[in-house]
Amino acid sequence: MPKAPDIAAHDASPLTGKTVLVTGGAQGIGRGIAQAILGAGGCVCIGDRDVEAGKACIDEWQAGTRAHFIAVDVAREASIQRWIAAALKRFGRIDGLVNNAGIAHPHVAPLSELALSDWNRYLATNLTGAFLCCKHAMPELKKHHGAIVNIASTRALQSEPDTEAYAASKGGLVAFTHALAVSAGPNVRANVILPGWIATDAWRKPSERSKPSLSRRDHAQHPAGRVGTPEDIGALAVYLLSEPSSFITGQSFVVDGGMTIKMQYA
C-alpha cells in the first residue's frame, strides 16, 4: 500500500520572490490588496492616477525595494504599456496582476438621461482597462505561470436604481474573467472577487483619511455581523495569487459578509 502524503507546512509568506501589479492600488481596496501582498512576502507595483496617494503609500509602507508606484491611467492603452514596461524594468518579472482600478460611484443618472459619454467612461475604466492590462501583461505572466485577480462587485449580481453603467461594467468583468481563464490556461489562472460593502475611509490618502462612521445597524444587517474591510479582500487576493490556489481558475468569489444570500423584505 502506498504511503499517505505527509502533512504539508503552511507557508506564511506564499508570495516571496513574486512581483504583483495592482491597478488602483494607492487607496481603498487596492491599497488593502497591495499591503496584503507585501505582508505575504511579495513585491508590489501599484499603478494609480492619484500621484499624491501613490507617493503616500510608498512613504508609509517603508518597504524599500519591494514596493514601487507608477502613475497610470487604465483608460489609456499607452499609459498601461508604459506602466507594465517600467514595472518589468524595475522588478525583472511579473507573476501576478490585480485589476482593481475603476470608477467607484455606482449611481449616475436615470437611463433616459444617461449620457453615452458617461456610459463609455464606466466601461473604459472598469472593464476595458482590465482587458488592456491583461493583454499587455500576459506574455510575462505566461513565463512565470502567473495569476490574474479581477475586482468586480456584488452589484454584478444585484442592483439599485440608476446604476446600469456600473453594473454592466462589473458584470462584464465577471464574464471576461471566466473567458480569460479558458483562453489563458493552463499557464495563467484568472479569478474574480466581488466585494460587498467595504469601508475604505481609513485607507484613503492622508488628506482625505478618516475613521469609518458605521452604526450598529450597518454592521447588524450583515450575517457575518460587520461591514467589510480592505484586509478581507486582500487576504483572498493573496490566496488566489499564490501556489496553494493552483487548481482554482475562472471562479467568482463573493466577499460581502453574507449580504447577497440574505432575503430582504420591506
C-alpha atoms as a PDB file:
ATOM      1  CA  MET A   1       0.000   0.000   0.000  1.00  0.00           C
ATOM      2  CA  PRO A   2       1.467   3.414  -0.947  1.00  0.00           C
ATOM      3  CA  LYS A   3       2.369   5.803   1.847  1.00  0.00           C
ATOM      4  CA  ALA A   4      -0.090   8.619   2.519  1.00  0.00           C
ATOM      5  CA  PRO A   5       1.105  12.158   1.728  1.00  0.00           C
ATOM      6  CA  ASP A   6       2.900  13.933   4.555  1.00  0.00           C
ATOM      7  CA  ILE A   7       1.401  16.878   6.402  1.00  0.00           C
ATOM      8  CA  ALA A   8       2.392  19.981   4.437  1.00  0.00           C
ATOM      9  CA  ALA A   9       3.689  23.002   6.302  1.00  0.00           C
ATOM     10  CA  HIS A  10       1.693  26.200   5.873  1.00  0.00           C
ATOM     11  CA  ASP A  11       3.633  28.876   4.006  1.00  0.00           C
ATOM     12  CA  ALA A  12       3.264  32.139   5.899  1.00  0.00           C
ATOM     13  CA  SER A  13       4.855  34.085   3.019  1.00  0.00           C
ATOM     14  CA  PRO A  14       3.405  32.499  -0.138  1.00  0.00           C
ATOM     15  CA  LEU A  15       4.375  35.375  -2.451  1.00  0.00           C
ATOM     16  CA  THR A  16       8.063  35.536  -1.596  1.00  0.00           C
ATOM     17  CA  GLY A  17      10.079  36.131  -4.773  1.00  0.00           C
ATOM     18  CA  LYS A  18       6.989  37.148  -6.763  1.00  0.00           C
ATOM     19  CA  THR A  19       6.005  40.534  -8.186  1.00  0.00           C
ATOM     20  CA  VAL A  20       2.373  41.600  -8.464  1.00  0.00           C
ATOM     21  CA  LEU A  21       0.953  44.627 -10.280  1.00  0.00           C
ATOM     22  CA  VAL A  22      -2.112  46.296  -8.737  1.00  0.00           C
ATOM     23  CA  THR A  23      -4.151  48.939 -10.565  1.00  0.00           C
ATOM     24  CA  GLY A  24      -5.874  51.498  -8.375  1.00  0.00           C
ATOM     25  CA  GLY A  25      -3.502  50.296  -5.671  1.00  0.00           C
ATOM     26  CA  ALA A  26      -2.981  53.571  -3.822  1.00  0.00           C
ATOM     27  CA  GLN A  27      -6.295  53.792  -1.980  1.00  0.00           C
ATOM     28  CA  GLY A  28      -9.218  51.737  -0.719  1.00  0.00           C
ATOM     29  CA  ILE A  29      -9.487  48.076  -1.641  1.00  0.00           C
ATOM     30  CA  GLY A  30      -6.479  48.368  -3.949  1.00  0.00           C
ATOM     31  CA  ARG A  31      -4.282  49.573  -1.122  1.00  0.00           C
ATOM     32  CA  GLY A  32      -5.561  46.756   1.075  1.00  0.00           C
ATOM     33  CA  ILE A  33      -4.592  44.232  -1.589  1.00  0.00           C
ATOM     34  CA  ALA A  34      -1.164  45.811  -2.090  1.00  0.00           C
ATOM     35  CA  GLN A  35      -0.441  45.718   1.626  1.00  0.00           C
ATOM     36  CA  ALA A  36      -1.566  42.094   1.831  1.00  0.00           C
ATOM     37  CA  ILE A  37       0.859  41.231  -0.973  1.00  0.00           C
ATOM     38  CA  LEU A  38       3.688  42.894   0.920  1.00  0.00           C
ATOM     39  CA  GLY A  39       2.632  41.083   4.082  1.00  0.00           C
ATOM     40  CA  ALA A  40       2.796  37.789   2.173  1.00  0.00           C
ATOM     41  CA  GLY A  41       6.423  38.461   1.218  1.00  0.00           C
ATOM     42  CA  GLY A  42       5.835  39.686  -2.317  1.00  0.00           C
ATOM     43  CA  CYS A  43       6.898  42.747  -4.267  1.00  0.00           C
ATOM     44  CA  VAL A  44       4.201  45.117  -5.469  1.00  0.00           C
ATOM     45  CA  CYS A  45       3.996  47.775  -8.149  1.00  0.00           C
ATOM     46  CA  ILE A  46       0.924  49.931  -7.704  1.00  0.00           C
ATOM     47  CA  GLY A  47      -0.477  51.938 -10.578  1.00  0.00           C
ATOM     48  CA  ASP A  48      -2.854  54.791  -9.862  1.00  0.00           C
ATOM     49  CA  ARG A  49      -3.959  58.126 -11.314  1.00  0.00           C
ATOM     50  CA  ASP A  50      -3.610  59.810  -7.913  1.00  0.00           C
ATOM     51  CA  VAL A  51       0.067  60.701  -7.539  1.00  0.00           C
ATOM     52  CA  GLU A  52      -0.398  62.077  -4.017  1.00  0.00           C
ATOM     53  CA  ALA A  53      -1.953  58.818  -2.860  1.00  0.00           C
ATOM     54  CA  GLY A  54       0.686  56.705  -4.576  1.00  0.00           C
ATOM     55  CA  LYS A  55       3.581  58.592  -3.028  1.00  0.00           C
ATOM     56  CA  ALA A  56       1.911  58.408   0.387  1.00  0.00           C
ATOM     57  CA  CYS A  57       1.784  54.620   0.125  1.00  0.00           C
ATOM     58  CA  ILE A  58       5.496  54.336  -0.583  1.00  0.00           C
ATOM     59  CA  ASP A  59       6.335  56.749   2.252  1.00  0.00           C
ATOM     60  CA  GLU A  60       4.117  54.989   4.772  1.00  0.00           C
ATOM     61  CA  TRP A  61       4.918  51.409   3.862  1.00  0.00           C
ATOM     62  CA  GLN A  62       8.693  51.787   4.214  1.00  0.00           C
ATOM     63  CA  ALA A  63       9.020  48.546   2.232  1.00  0.00           C
ATOM     64  CA  GLY A  64      12.231  49.518   0.466  1.00  0.00           C
ATOM     65  CA  THR A  65      12.749  47.978  -2.955  1.00  0.00           C
ATOM     66  CA  ARG A  66       9.733  45.687  -2.587  1.00  0.00           C
ATOM     67  CA  ALA A  67       7.227  48.461  -3.329  1.00  0.00           C
ATOM     68  CA  HIS A  68       7.025  50.915  -6.198  1.00  0.00           C
ATOM     69  CA  PHE A  69       4.477  53.421  -7.502  1.00  0.00           C
ATOM     70  CA  ILE A  70       3.938  54.481 -11.104  1.00  0.00           C
ATOM     71  CA  ALA A  71       1.221  56.857 -12.271  1.00  0.00           C
ATOM     72  CA  VAL A  72      -1.139  55.137 -14.722  1.00  0.00           C
ATOM     73  CA  ASP A  73      -4.482  55.782 -16.376  1.00  0.00           C
ATOM     74  CA  VAL A  74      -6.086  52.431 -17.207  1.00  0.00           C
ATOM     75  CA  ALA A  75      -8.400  54.062 -19.734  1.00  0.00           C
ATOM     76  CA  ARG A  76      -5.363  54.795 -21.937  1.00  0.00           C
ATOM     77  CA  GLU A  77      -3.546  51.902 -23.593  1.00  0.00           C
ATOM     78  CA  ALA A  78      -0.262  53.774 -23.972  1.00  0.00           C
ATOM     79  CA  SER A  79      -0.259  54.552 -20.249  1.00  0.00           C
ATOM     80  CA  ILE A  80      -0.764  50.885 -19.403  1.00  0.00           C
ATOM     81  CA  GLN A  81       2.042  49.834 -21.743  1.00  0.00           C
ATOM     82  CA  ARG A  82       4.438  52.290 -20.101  1.00  0.00           C
ATOM     83  CA  TRP A  83       3.430  51.118 -16.621  1.00  0.00           C
ATOM     84  CA  ILE A  84       3.990  47.448 -17.377  1.00  0.00           C
ATOM     85  CA  ALA A  85       7.312  48.141 -19.112  1.00  0.00           C
ATOM     86  CA  ALA A  86       8.504  50.250 -16.169  1.00  0.00           C
ATOM     87  CA  ALA A  87       7.436  47.602 -13.650  1.00  0.00           C
ATOM     88  CA  LEU A  88       9.243  44.913 -15.606  1.00  0.00           C
ATOM     89  CA  LYS A  89      12.386  47.042 -15.782  1.00  0.00           C
ATOM     90  CA  ARG A  90      12.214  47.678 -12.035  1.00  0.00           C
ATOM     91  CA  PHE A  91      11.486  44.131 -10.823  1.00  0.00           C
ATOM     92  CA  GLY A  92      12.573  41.913 -13.724  1.00  0.00           C
ATOM     93  CA  ARG A  93       9.422  39.777 -13.691  1.00  0.00           C
ATOM     94  CA  ILE A  94       5.637  39.861 -13.368  1.00  0.00           C
ATOM     95  CA  ASP A  95       3.937  36.992 -11.544  1.00  0.00           C
ATOM     96  CA  GLY A  96       0.540  38.460 -10.812  1.00  0.00           C
ATOM     97  CA  LEU A  97      -1.893  41.164 -11.885  1.00  0.00           C
ATOM     98  CA  VAL A  98      -4.766  42.626  -9.883  1.00  0.00           C
ATOM     99  CA  ASN A  99      -7.227  44.702 -11.911  1.00  0.00           C
ATOM    100  CA  ASN A 100      -8.789  46.857  -9.219  1.00  0.00           C
ATOM    101  CA  ALA A 101      -8.909  50.344 -10.766  1.00  0.00           C
ATOM    102  CA  GLY A 102     -12.357  51.616 -11.538  1.00  0.00           C
ATOM    103  CA  ILE A 103     -14.948  54.312 -11.050  1.00  0.00           C
ATOM    104  CA  ALA A 104     -16.308  53.549  -7.598  1.00  0.00           C
ATOM    105  CA  HIS A 105     -19.554  55.526  -7.686  1.00  0.00           C
ATOM    106  CA  PRO A 106     -22.395  53.325  -8.974  1.00  0.00           C
ATOM    107  CA  HIS A 107     -25.098  55.980  -9.281  1.00  0.00           C
ATOM    108  CA  VAL A 108     -25.030  58.131 -12.423  1.00  0.00           C
ATOM    109  CA  ALA A 109     -28.438  59.112 -13.800  1.00  0.00           C
ATOM    110  CA  PRO A 110     -31.751  57.563 -14.837  1.00  0.00           C
ATOM    111  CA  LEU A 111     -31.307  55.550 -18.017  1.00  0.00           C
ATOM    112  CA  SER A 112     -33.302  58.057 -20.094  1.00  0.00           C
ATOM    113  CA  GLU A 113     -30.861  60.764 -19.010  1.00  0.00           C
ATOM    114  CA  LEU A 114     -27.649  58.743 -19.032  1.00  0.00           C
ATOM    115  CA  ALA A 115     -25.175  60.305 -21.450  1.00  0.00           C
ATOM    116  CA  LEU A 116     -23.362  57.995 -23.837  1.00  0.00           C
ATOM    117  CA  SER A 117     -20.106  59.585 -22.720  1.00  0.00           C
ATOM    118  CA  ASP A 118     -20.789  58.536 -19.096  1.00  0.00           C
ATOM    119  CA  TRP A 119     -21.715  55.006 -20.175  1.00  0.00           C
ATOM    120  CA  ASN A 120     -18.494  54.744 -22.176  1.00  0.00           C
ATOM    121  CA  ARG A 121     -16.447  56.221 -19.325  1.00  0.00           C
ATOM    122  CA  TYR A 122     -17.562  53.461 -16.934  1.00  0.00           C
ATOM    123  CA  LEU A 123     -16.861  50.725 -19.443  1.00  0.00           C
ATOM    124  CA  ALA A 124     -13.496  52.194 -20.438  1.00  0.00           C
ATOM    125  CA  THR A 125     -12.229  52.388 -16.866  1.00  0.00           C
ATOM    126  CA  ASN A 126     -13.911  49.430 -15.156  1.00  0.00           C
ATOM    127  CA  LEU A 127     -13.827  46.870 -17.967  1.00  0.00           C
ATOM    128  CA  THR A 128     -11.644  47.907 -20.901  1.00  0.00           C
ATOM    129  CA  GLY A 129      -8.844  48.857 -18.525  1.00  0.00           C
ATOM    130  CA  ALA A 130      -8.739  45.309 -17.179  1.00  0.00           C
ATOM    131  CA  PHE A 131      -8.695  43.909 -20.719  1.00  0.00           C
ATOM    132  CA  LEU A 132      -5.763  46.142 -21.689  1.00  0.00           C
ATOM    133  CA  CYS A 133      -3.763  45.299 -18.568  1.00  0.00           C
ATOM    134  CA  CYS A 134      -4.295  41.580 -19.150  1.00  0.00           C
ATOM    135  CA  LYS A 135      -3.391  41.911 -22.812  1.00  0.00           C
ATOM    136  CA  HIS A 136      -0.069  43.613 -22.178  1.00  0.00           C
ATOM    137  CA  ALA A 137       0.930  41.708 -19.023  1.00  0.00           C
ATOM    138  CA  MET A 138       0.054  38.290 -20.472  1.00  0.00           C
ATOM    139  CA  PRO A 139       3.428  37.492 -22.101  1.00  0.00           C
ATOM    140  CA  GLU A 140       5.230  37.925 -18.767  1.00  0.00           C
ATOM    141  CA  LEU A 141       2.519  36.169 -16.781  1.00  0.00           C
ATOM    142  CA  LYS A 142       2.759  33.144 -19.074  1.00  0.00           C
ATOM    143  CA  LYS A 143       6.515  32.922 -18.497  1.00  0.00           C
ATOM    144  CA  HIS A 144       6.010  32.520 -14.758  1.00  0.00           C
ATOM    145  CA  HIS A 145       2.690  30.621 -14.596  1.00  0.00           C
ATOM    146  CA  GLY A 146       1.137  33.747 -13.175  1.00  0.00           C
ATOM    147  CA  ALA A 147      -2.292  34.620 -11.873  1.00  0.00           C
ATOM    148  CA  ILE A 148      -4.817  37.379 -12.501  1.00  0.00           C
ATOM    149  CA  VAL A 149      -7.338  38.643  -9.968  1.00  0.00           C
ATOM    150  CA  ASN A 150     -10.067  40.973 -11.161  1.00  0.00           C
ATOM    151  CA  ILE A 151     -12.097  43.058  -8.716  1.00  0.00           C
ATOM    152  CA  ALA A 152     -15.761  43.313  -9.650  1.00  0.00           C
ATOM    153  CA  SER A 153     -18.644  43.974  -7.230  1.00  0.00           C
ATOM    154  CA  THR A 154     -21.742  42.314  -5.820  1.00  0.00           C
ATOM    155  CA  ARG A 155     -23.552  44.859  -7.990  1.00  0.00           C
ATOM    156  CA  ALA A 156     -22.798  42.457 -10.826  1.00  0.00           C
ATOM    157  CA  LEU A 157     -25.439  40.269  -9.151  1.00  0.00           C
ATOM    158  CA  GLN A 158     -27.899  42.745  -7.608  1.00  0.00           C
ATOM    159  CA  SER A 159     -28.739  46.389  -8.224  1.00  0.00           C
ATOM    160  CA  GLU A 160     -30.217  49.678  -7.086  1.00  0.00           C
ATOM    161  CA  PRO A 161     -31.949  52.096  -9.477  1.00  0.00           C
ATOM    162  CA  ASP A 162     -29.879  54.165 -11.897  1.00  0.00           C
ATOM    163  CA  THR A 163     -26.733  52.035 -11.756  1.00  0.00           C
ATOM    164  CA  GLU A 164     -26.829  50.439 -15.217  1.00  0.00           C
ATOM    165  CA  ALA A 165     -23.390  51.623 -16.362  1.00  0.00           C
ATOM    166  CA  TYR A 166     -21.651  50.474 -13.209  1.00  0.00           C
ATOM    167  CA  ALA A 167     -23.488  47.136 -13.078  1.00  0.00           C
ATOM    168  CA  ALA A 168     -22.801  46.432 -16.744  1.00  0.00           C
ATOM    169  CA  SER A 169     -19.088  47.121 -16.324  1.00  0.00           C
ATOM    170  CA  LYS A 170     -18.788  44.872 -13.269  1.00  0.00           C
ATOM    171  CA  GLY A 171     -20.948  42.135 -14.779  1.00  0.00           C
ATOM    172  CA  GLY A 172     -18.803  42.276 -17.879  1.00  0.00           C
ATOM    173  CA  LEU A 173     -15.713  41.829 -15.728  1.00  0.00           C
ATOM    174  CA  VAL A 174     -17.141  38.589 -14.307  1.00  0.00           C
ATOM    175  CA  ALA A 175     -17.807  37.202 -17.795  1.00  0.00           C
ATOM    176  CA  PHE A 176     -14.434  38.437 -19.056  1.00  0.00           C
ATOM    177  CA  THR A 177     -12.746  36.537 -16.230  1.00  0.00           C
ATOM    178  CA  HIS A 178     -14.169  33.104 -16.988  1.00  0.00           C
ATOM    179  CA  ALA A 179     -13.476  33.546 -20.704  1.00  0.00           C
ATOM    180  CA  LEU A 180      -9.929  34.638 -19.904  1.00  0.00           C
ATOM    181  CA  ALA A 181      -9.356  31.635 -17.654  1.00  0.00           C
ATOM    182  CA  VAL A 182     -10.170  29.272 -20.516  1.00  0.00           C
ATOM    183  CA  SER A 183      -8.041  31.155 -23.053  1.00  0.00           C
ATOM    184  CA  ALA A 184      -5.017  31.746 -20.828  1.00  0.00           C
ATOM    185  CA  GLY A 185      -4.884  28.364 -19.134  1.00  0.00           C
ATOM    186  CA  PRO A 186      -3.014  26.323 -18.188  1.00  0.00           C
ATOM    187  CA  ASN A 187      -0.137  28.797 -17.920  1.00  0.00           C
ATOM    188  CA  VAL A 188      -2.152  31.644 -16.381  1.00  0.00           C
ATOM    189  CA  ARG A 189      -5.081  31.452 -13.975  1.00  0.00           C
ATOM    190  CA  ALA A 190      -7.788  34.127 -13.692  1.00  0.00           C
ATOM    191  CA  ASN A 191     -10.372  34.647 -10.949  1.00  0.00           C
ATOM    192  CA  VAL A 192     -12.647  37.479  -9.889  1.00  0.00           C
ATOM    193  CA  ILE A 193     -13.588  38.826  -6.448  1.00  0.00           C
ATOM    194  CA  LEU A 194     -16.958  40.509  -5.922  1.00  0.00           C
ATOM    195  CA  PRO A 195     -16.714  42.718  -2.810  1.00  0.00           C
ATOM    196  CA  GLY A 196     -19.811  43.902  -0.998  1.00  0.00           C
ATOM    197  CA  TRP A 197     -19.846  46.793   1.473  1.00  0.00           C
ATOM    198  CA  ILE A 198     -16.197  47.540   2.235  1.00  0.00           C
ATOM    199  CA  ALA A 199     -15.378  50.505   4.492  1.00  0.00           C
ATOM    200  CA  THR A 200     -12.405  52.293   2.928  1.00  0.00           C
ATOM    201  CA  ASP A 201     -12.383  55.610   4.847  1.00  0.00           C
ATOM    202  CA  ALA A 202      -9.179  54.756   6.731  1.00  0.00           C
ATOM    203  CA  TRP A 203      -7.492  53.539   3.537  1.00  0.00           C
ATOM    204  CA  ARG A 204      -7.533  56.801   1.607  1.00  0.00           C
ATOM    205  CA  LYS A 205      -4.667  59.221   1.092  1.00  0.00           C
ATOM    206  CA  PRO A 206      -3.705  61.222   4.221  1.00  0.00           C
ATOM    207  CA  SER A 207      -5.547  64.388   3.191  1.00  0.00           C
ATOM    208  CA  GLU A 208      -8.854  62.502   2.894  1.00  0.00           C
ATOM    209  CA  ARG A 209      -8.416  59.809   5.549  1.00  0.00           C
ATOM    210  CA  SER A 210     -10.961  59.404   8.315  1.00  0.00           C
ATOM    211  CA  LYS A 211     -12.301  56.864  10.770  1.00  0.00           C
ATOM    212  CA  PRO A 212     -15.275  54.922   9.350  1.00  0.00           C
ATOM    213  CA  SER A 213     -18.622  56.181  10.650  1.00  0.00           C
ATOM    214  CA  LEU A 214     -20.630  52.976  10.925  1.00  0.00           C
ATOM    215  CA  SER A 215     -23.693  52.290  13.036  1.00  0.00           C
ATOM    216  CA  ARG A 216     -24.713  49.098  14.811  1.00  0.00           C
ATOM    217  CA  ARG A 217     -27.416  48.743  12.170  1.00  0.00           C
ATOM    218  CA  ASP A 218     -24.782  48.920   9.392  1.00  0.00           C
ATOM    219  CA  HIS A 219     -22.925  46.002  10.932  1.00  0.00           C
ATOM    220  CA  ALA A 220     -26.005  44.039  12.021  1.00  0.00           C
ATOM    221  CA  GLN A 221     -27.517  43.815   8.530  1.00  0.00           C
ATOM    222  CA  HIS A 222     -24.606  41.578   7.548  1.00  0.00           C
ATOM    223  CA  PRO A 223     -24.960  37.895   8.524  1.00  0.00           C
ATOM    224  CA  ALA A 224     -21.248  37.989   9.394  1.00  0.00           C
ATOM    225  CA  GLY A 225     -22.010  40.758  11.901  1.00  0.00           C
ATOM    226  CA  ARG A 226     -19.886  43.534  10.450  1.00  0.00           C
ATOM    227  CA  VAL A 227     -19.080  45.700   7.444  1.00  0.00           C
ATOM    228  CA  GLY A 228     -16.070  44.522   5.440  1.00  0.00           C
ATOM    229  CA  THR A 229     -12.541  45.958   5.314  1.00  0.00           C
ATOM    230  CA  PRO A 230      -9.880  46.050   2.583  1.00  0.00           C
ATOM    231  CA  GLU A 231      -7.996  43.368   4.532  1.00  0.00           C
ATOM    232  CA  ASP A 232     -10.857  40.955   3.822  1.00  0.00           C
ATOM    233  CA  ILE A 233     -10.319  41.388   0.091  1.00  0.00           C
ATOM    234  CA  GLY A 234      -6.538  41.405   0.382  1.00  0.00           C
ATOM    235  CA  ALA A 235      -6.451  38.059   2.173  1.00  0.00           C
ATOM    236  CA  LEU A 236      -8.412  36.338  -0.602  1.00  0.00           C
ATOM    237  CA  ALA A 237      -6.392  38.069  -3.313  1.00  0.00           C
ATOM    238  CA  VAL A 238      -3.149  36.746  -1.818  1.00  0.00           C
ATOM    239  CA  TYR A 239      -4.547  33.222  -1.812  1.00  0.00           C
ATOM    240  CA  LEU A 240      -5.697  33.453  -5.433  1.00  0.00           C
ATOM    241  CA  LEU A 241      -2.302  34.830  -6.490  1.00  0.00           C
ATOM    242  CA  SER A 242      -0.307  32.117  -4.732  1.00  0.00           C
ATOM    243  CA  GLU A 243       0.522  28.473  -5.348  1.00  0.00           C
ATOM    244  CA  PRO A 244      -1.999  26.941  -2.885  1.00  0.00           C
ATOM    245  CA  SER A 245      -4.802  28.054  -5.251  1.00  0.00           C
ATOM    246  CA  SER A 246      -3.213  26.491  -8.344  1.00  0.00           C
ATOM    247  CA  PHE A 247      -6.319  24.344  -9.004  1.00  0.00           C
ATOM    248  CA  ILE A 248      -8.679  27.337  -8.961  1.00  0.00           C
ATOM    249  CA  THR A 249      -9.399  29.349 -12.098  1.00  0.00           C
ATOM    250  CA  GLY A 250     -12.343  31.019 -13.795  1.00  0.00           C
ATOM    251  CA  GLN A 251     -14.199  31.378 -10.487  1.00  0.00           C
ATOM    252  CA  SER A 252     -16.179  34.212  -8.897  1.00  0.00           C
ATOM    253  CA  PHE A 253     -15.808  34.822  -5.166  1.00  0.00           C
ATOM    254  CA  VAL A 254     -18.392  36.929  -3.335  1.00  0.00           C
ATOM    255  CA  VAL A 255     -16.948  38.646  -0.242  1.00  0.00           C
ATOM    256  CA  ASP A 256     -19.823  40.529   1.332  1.00  0.00           C
ATOM    257  CA  GLY A 257     -20.417  39.244   4.846  1.00  0.00           C
ATOM    258  CA  GLY A 258     -23.336  37.204   3.548  1.00  0.00           C
ATOM    259  CA  MET A 259     -25.435  40.098   2.252  1.00  0.00           C
ATOM    260  CA  THR A 260     -26.267  38.617  -1.151  1.00  0.00           C
ATOM    261  CA  ILE A 261     -27.651  35.408   0.387  1.00  0.00           C
ATOM    262  CA  LYS A 262     -29.854  37.235   2.896  1.00  0.00           C
ATOM    263  CA  MET A 263     -33.531  37.527   1.962  1.00  0.00           C
ATOM    264  CA  GLN A 264     -34.699  41.141   2.061  1.00  0.00           C
ATOM    265  CA  TYR A 265     -38.310  42.034   2.846  1.00  0.00           C
ATOM    266  CA  ALA A 266     -39.702  45.558   3.186  1.00  0.00           C
END
